[in-house]
Protein backbone atom coordinates (compact mmCIF):
# COMPACT_ATOMS: atom_id res chain seq x y z
CA MET A 1 106.65 93.85 105.15
CA ALA A 2 104.96 95.58 102.23
CA GLN A 3 106.08 96.52 98.77
CA ARG A 4 105.82 99.63 96.62
CA PHE A 5 102.32 100.90 95.87
CA ILE A 6 101.37 100.22 92.21
CA PRO A 7 98.65 102.32 90.50
CA LEU A 8 95.93 100.46 88.62
CA CYS A 9 93.74 101.41 85.71
CA THR A 10 90.39 102.73 86.92
CA VAL A 11 87.56 100.23 86.52
CA ALA A 12 84.03 100.62 87.87
CA LEU A 13 81.99 97.93 89.59
CA GLY A 14 78.29 98.50 90.12
CA GLY A 15 76.00 96.96 92.74
CA ALA A 16 73.05 95.56 90.80
CA LEU A 17 70.84 95.28 93.89
CA ALA A 18 70.68 98.97 94.71
CA THR A 19 68.12 101.28 93.04
CA GLY A 20 68.71 104.65 94.72
CA ALA A 21 70.14 107.82 93.26
CA SER A 22 73.64 106.61 94.19
CA ALA A 23 74.43 102.89 93.98
CA LEU A 24 77.43 101.02 95.34
CA ASP A 25 80.38 101.77 93.09
CA LEU A 26 84.05 100.75 93.33
CA ARG A 27 86.88 101.99 91.13
CA ALA A 28 90.22 100.23 91.62
CA THR A 29 93.14 102.66 91.93
CA GLY A 30 96.18 100.75 93.17
CA THR A 31 97.72 97.74 94.90
CA TYR A 32 100.67 96.64 97.00
CA GLN A 33 101.97 93.31 98.23
CA LEU A 34 101.49 92.25 101.84
CA ASN A 35 102.00 88.94 103.61
CA ARG A 36 98.77 87.19 104.68
CA PRO A 37 96.52 90.17 105.48
CA ALA A 38 93.52 88.91 107.51
CA SER A 39 91.96 92.11 108.91
CA LEU A 40 92.30 95.84 108.20
CA GLU A 41 91.41 99.10 109.95
CA TYR A 42 92.07 102.66 108.76
CA ASP A 43 93.60 104.99 111.36
CA PRO A 44 93.21 108.75 110.62
CA THR A 45 95.60 109.65 113.46
CA PHE A 46 98.49 108.04 111.58
CA CYS A 47 97.00 108.13 108.07
CA GLY A 48 97.71 104.41 107.91
CA LEU A 49 96.32 100.90 108.10
CA TRP A 50 96.31 98.52 111.04
CA ILE A 51 96.77 94.97 109.76
CA ALA A 52 96.22 91.67 111.54
CA ASN A 53 97.63 88.60 109.83
CA GLU A 54 96.65 85.85 112.31
CA GLY A 55 99.99 85.99 114.09
CA PRO A 56 100.82 87.25 117.60
CA GLU A 57 101.26 90.85 116.41
CA ALA A 58 99.31 93.50 114.54
CA ILE A 59 101.18 95.97 112.35
CA LEU A 60 100.54 99.63 111.48
CA VAL A 61 101.68 100.65 107.99
CA THR A 62 101.44 103.82 105.94
CA LEU A 63 99.06 103.88 102.98
CA GLN A 64 102.10 103.13 100.82
CA GLY A 65 102.84 99.99 102.86
CA ASP A 66 105.79 101.17 105.00
CA GLU A 67 105.78 99.76 108.54
CA LEU A 68 105.28 102.24 111.40
CA ARG A 69 104.87 100.04 114.49
CA ARG A 70 103.98 96.59 115.81
CA ILE A 71 101.85 95.66 118.80
CA SER A 72 100.97 92.43 120.59
CA SER A 73 98.22 91.38 123.02
CA ASP A 74 97.44 88.77 125.66
CA LEU A 75 95.55 86.74 123.02
CA TYR A 76 97.35 83.82 121.39
CA ARG A 77 96.89 85.52 118.00
CA ILE A 78 95.38 88.67 116.49
CA LYS A 79 92.97 87.75 113.71
CA ALA A 80 90.73 90.86 113.73
CA ILE A 81 91.35 94.50 114.62
CA ALA A 82 89.28 97.69 114.90
CA ILE A 83 89.63 101.20 116.32
CA GLU A 84 87.49 102.03 119.35
CA GLY A 85 87.72 105.70 120.24
CA ASP A 86 91.41 106.51 120.71
CA ASN A 87 92.33 102.86 121.26
CA LEU A 88 92.23 99.45 119.59
CA ILE A 89 90.16 96.32 120.08
CA VAL A 90 91.54 93.02 118.78
CA GLY A 91 90.10 89.52 118.45
CA ASP A 92 91.58 86.04 118.27
CA GLY A 93 88.95 84.65 115.87
CA LEU A 94 87.44 82.43 118.56
CA GLY A 95 85.21 84.97 120.31
CA ARG A 96 87.79 86.49 122.69
CA LEU A 97 88.61 90.22 122.45
CA GLN A 98 90.98 92.61 124.20
CA ARG A 99 91.26 96.39 124.35
CA LEU A 100 94.71 97.93 123.84
CA THR A 101 96.27 101.35 123.46
CA LYS A 102 97.80 102.09 120.07
CA ASP A 103 101.17 101.44 121.71
CA GLY A 104 100.00 97.91 122.50
CA ALA A 105 99.48 98.36 126.27
CA PRO A 106 96.53 96.31 127.60
CA LEU A 107 93.63 98.40 128.89
CA ALA A 108 91.97 95.36 130.49
CA ALA A 109 92.17 91.59 130.45
CA PRO A 110 90.73 89.70 127.45
CA PHE A 111 86.97 89.06 127.55
CA ARG A 112 84.65 86.70 125.72
CA LEU A 113 81.68 87.70 123.59
CA GLY A 114 78.32 86.34 124.73
CA GLY A 115 75.72 84.37 122.83
CA GLY A 116 77.95 81.53 121.72
CA ALA A 117 80.30 83.58 119.50
CA SER A 118 82.79 81.25 117.88
CA ASP A 119 84.63 81.80 114.58
CA THR A 120 84.83 85.62 114.79
CA GLU A 121 86.46 86.73 111.53
CA GLY A 122 86.00 90.50 111.54
CA ILE A 123 85.07 93.23 114.04
CA ALA A 124 83.99 96.85 113.80
CA ILE A 125 82.59 99.49 116.17
CA ASP A 126 79.39 101.32 115.20
CA ALA A 127 78.26 104.84 116.08
CA THR A 128 76.52 103.67 119.27
CA GLY A 129 79.65 101.92 120.53
CA ASP A 130 78.34 98.42 119.83
CA ILE A 131 80.78 95.76 118.63
CA VAL A 132 79.71 94.34 115.25
CA THR A 133 81.19 91.02 114.14
CA VAL A 134 81.03 88.61 111.22
CA GLU A 135 81.48 84.85 111.51
CA ASP A 136 81.69 82.14 108.86
CA ASP A 137 81.08 79.06 111.03
CA PRO A 138 78.22 79.43 111.74
CA GLU A 139 77.40 82.21 109.26
CA ARG A 140 76.35 85.26 111.31
CA LEU A 141 76.35 89.05 111.51
CA THR A 142 76.11 90.04 115.18
CA TRP A 143 75.84 93.16 117.34
CA PHE A 144 77.20 93.11 120.91
CA THR A 145 77.17 95.74 123.63
CA PRO A 146 80.59 97.21 124.51
CA ASP A 147 80.94 94.71 127.38
CA GLY A 148 80.28 91.78 125.02
CA ALA A 149 76.60 90.98 125.68
CA LEU A 150 74.63 89.75 122.65
CA ARG A 151 72.24 92.39 121.30
CA MET A 152 71.15 91.28 117.80
CA ARG A 153 72.11 88.53 115.36
CA ILE A 154 71.37 87.83 111.67
CA ASP A 155 72.00 84.57 109.82
CA THR A 156 73.93 85.71 106.73
CA MET A 157 72.72 82.65 104.80
CA ASP A 158 69.27 84.27 104.84
CA PHE A 159 70.47 87.11 102.61
CA ASP A 160 69.74 86.97 98.88
CA PRO A 161 72.38 86.22 97.71
CA PRO A 162 73.63 84.51 100.89
CA ILE A 163 76.98 85.23 102.53
CA SER A 164 78.57 81.90 103.46
CA GLU A 165 82.15 82.96 104.24
CA ALA A 166 82.10 86.50 105.67
CA GLN A 167 85.62 87.53 106.64
CA GLY A 168 86.05 91.29 107.03
CA ILE A 169 83.75 94.13 108.05
CA ALA A 170 84.05 97.93 108.07
CA ILE A 171 81.56 100.69 108.91
CA ASP A 172 81.31 103.95 106.97
CA PRO A 173 81.00 106.63 109.69
CA ARG A 174 79.19 108.98 107.28
CA THR A 175 76.27 106.61 106.59
CA GLY A 176 76.56 103.86 109.19
CA HIS A 177 76.62 101.38 106.30
CA LEU A 178 78.33 98.04 106.82
CA VAL A 179 80.64 96.73 104.11
CA ILE A 180 81.52 93.05 104.31
CA VAL A 181 83.75 90.81 102.20
CA ASP A 182 82.88 87.17 101.45
CA ASP A 183 85.91 85.00 100.70
CA TRP A 184 86.79 82.57 97.90
CA GLU A 185 84.80 79.71 99.46
CA GLY A 186 81.76 81.98 99.23
CA SER A 187 81.11 84.54 96.47
CA ASN A 188 84.47 86.42 96.47
CA SER A 189 82.42 89.62 96.69
CA LEU A 190 81.86 92.81 98.64
CA TYR A 191 78.43 93.49 100.16
CA GLU A 192 76.95 96.75 101.44
CA PHE A 193 74.28 96.91 104.16
CA THR A 194 72.39 99.55 106.11
CA ALA A 195 73.32 100.02 109.76
CA ASP A 196 70.66 97.51 110.80
CA GLY A 197 71.56 94.83 108.26
CA GLU A 198 69.41 95.53 105.18
CA LEU A 199 71.25 94.43 102.02
CA LEU A 200 71.89 97.34 99.62
CA GLY A 201 74.34 96.05 97.01
CA GLN A 202 76.94 93.50 95.99
CA ALA A 203 80.07 93.76 93.82
CA SER A 204 82.24 90.88 92.63
CA LEU A 205 85.95 91.23 93.44
CA ILE A 206 87.23 88.36 91.32
CA GLU A 207 88.87 90.70 88.81
CA TYR A 208 91.12 92.11 91.55
CA GLY A 209 92.03 89.10 93.65
CA THR A 210 90.91 85.89 95.30
CA ASP A 211 90.01 85.17 98.91
CA PRO A 212 89.24 88.67 100.28
CA GLU A 213 89.93 88.68 104.02
CA GLY A 214 89.93 92.25 105.32
CA ILE A 215 88.35 95.60 104.50
CA ALA A 216 88.76 99.20 105.70
CA ILE A 217 87.29 102.59 104.75
CA ARG A 218 89.06 105.97 104.59
CA PRO A 219 86.03 108.29 104.49
CA GLY A 220 88.05 111.48 104.15
CA SER A 221 89.04 110.52 100.61
CA ASP A 222 86.21 108.11 99.65
CA GLN A 223 88.81 105.34 99.68
CA LEU A 224 88.31 101.67 100.46
CA PHE A 225 90.94 98.96 101.03
CA VAL A 226 90.45 95.22 100.49
CA ALA A 227 93.04 92.66 101.61
CA PHE A 228 93.30 89.50 99.52
CA ASP A 229 94.90 86.33 100.88
CA GLY A 230 95.25 85.00 97.34
CA GLY A 231 98.26 86.86 95.95
CA ALA A 232 98.90 88.40 99.41
CA ARG A 233 98.04 91.99 98.51
CA ILE A 234 95.88 94.98 99.31
CA VAL A 235 93.87 96.67 96.55
CA THR A 236 92.65 100.26 96.96
CA PHE A 237 89.38 101.54 95.52
CA ASP A 238 87.53 104.81 95.19
CA TYR A 239 84.24 104.04 96.93
CA THR A 240 80.75 105.46 96.41
CA PRO A 241 78.13 104.13 98.87
CA THR A 242 74.48 103.54 98.12
CA LEU A 243 72.35 106.57 98.99
CA PRO A 244 68.55 107.09 99.02
CA GLU A 245 66.73 108.62 96.09
CA GLY A 246 67.35 112.38 95.99
CA ALA A 247 70.15 112.34 98.58
CA GLU A 248 73.03 114.79 98.22
CA PRO A 249 76.55 113.38 97.71
CA LEU A 250 78.29 112.69 101.00
CA PRO A 251 80.77 115.26 102.32
CA PRO A 252 84.20 113.86 103.12
CA GLY A 253 84.84 112.62 106.64
CA ALA A 254 87.77 113.32 108.96
CA ASP A 255 91.12 112.40 107.45
CA CYS A 256 94.85 112.19 108.22
CA MET A 257 95.20 114.12 111.49
CA LEU A 258 98.99 114.07 111.36
CA PHE A 259 99.29 115.83 108.01
């Protein structure tokens, strides 16, 4: 499914909106080809990436792109994927989710998110266990309780600059920060937010690919992955989050339990 990992020259991208001691910074380090990646999630148990590509299956690959396993669900497609504890939660892009084991066994029947969720493009689980989603039609960033009840919602067009086509979302477990990618129909950028939705920084991704769809964070190595539909590839970055004035650099998080 994927091709050989190719190192890139290191290039820095700064987030002009942040003013703290440490601002959003991305340094591209490599890339590999992948067919239609729509959603990503890093899995420290396997030191790999879960990838949803809007088909009936999700695929787990190594960080070099070698396939490890495939799973399916009771949804008609898997458009978004996230890790929840020791298991997975997947979405069909239309507001229906299902919880699965990492072997693909259903833990419960599919359920629907409340509050009129519709075009759910990306999902993540925050430190409280809430489900956080992004939608691009209408344009929203939303928090749900674990059982799918609406808790809080932000119109992403109210941000400055606005996010009109949010596709992927990941949460840095060290800071609680949200990182979101806006696709080609929007700004083709990455945005960083606080845990409660305050905008911290933005970085254009146009130099590395078009139509970013998925994003994942590997905190143990300060690594970030962005999946681009244009060119069908994943680009890896060294990632420095925005930190408050005077804050110490973040210690690495948990990483690669198998190795």
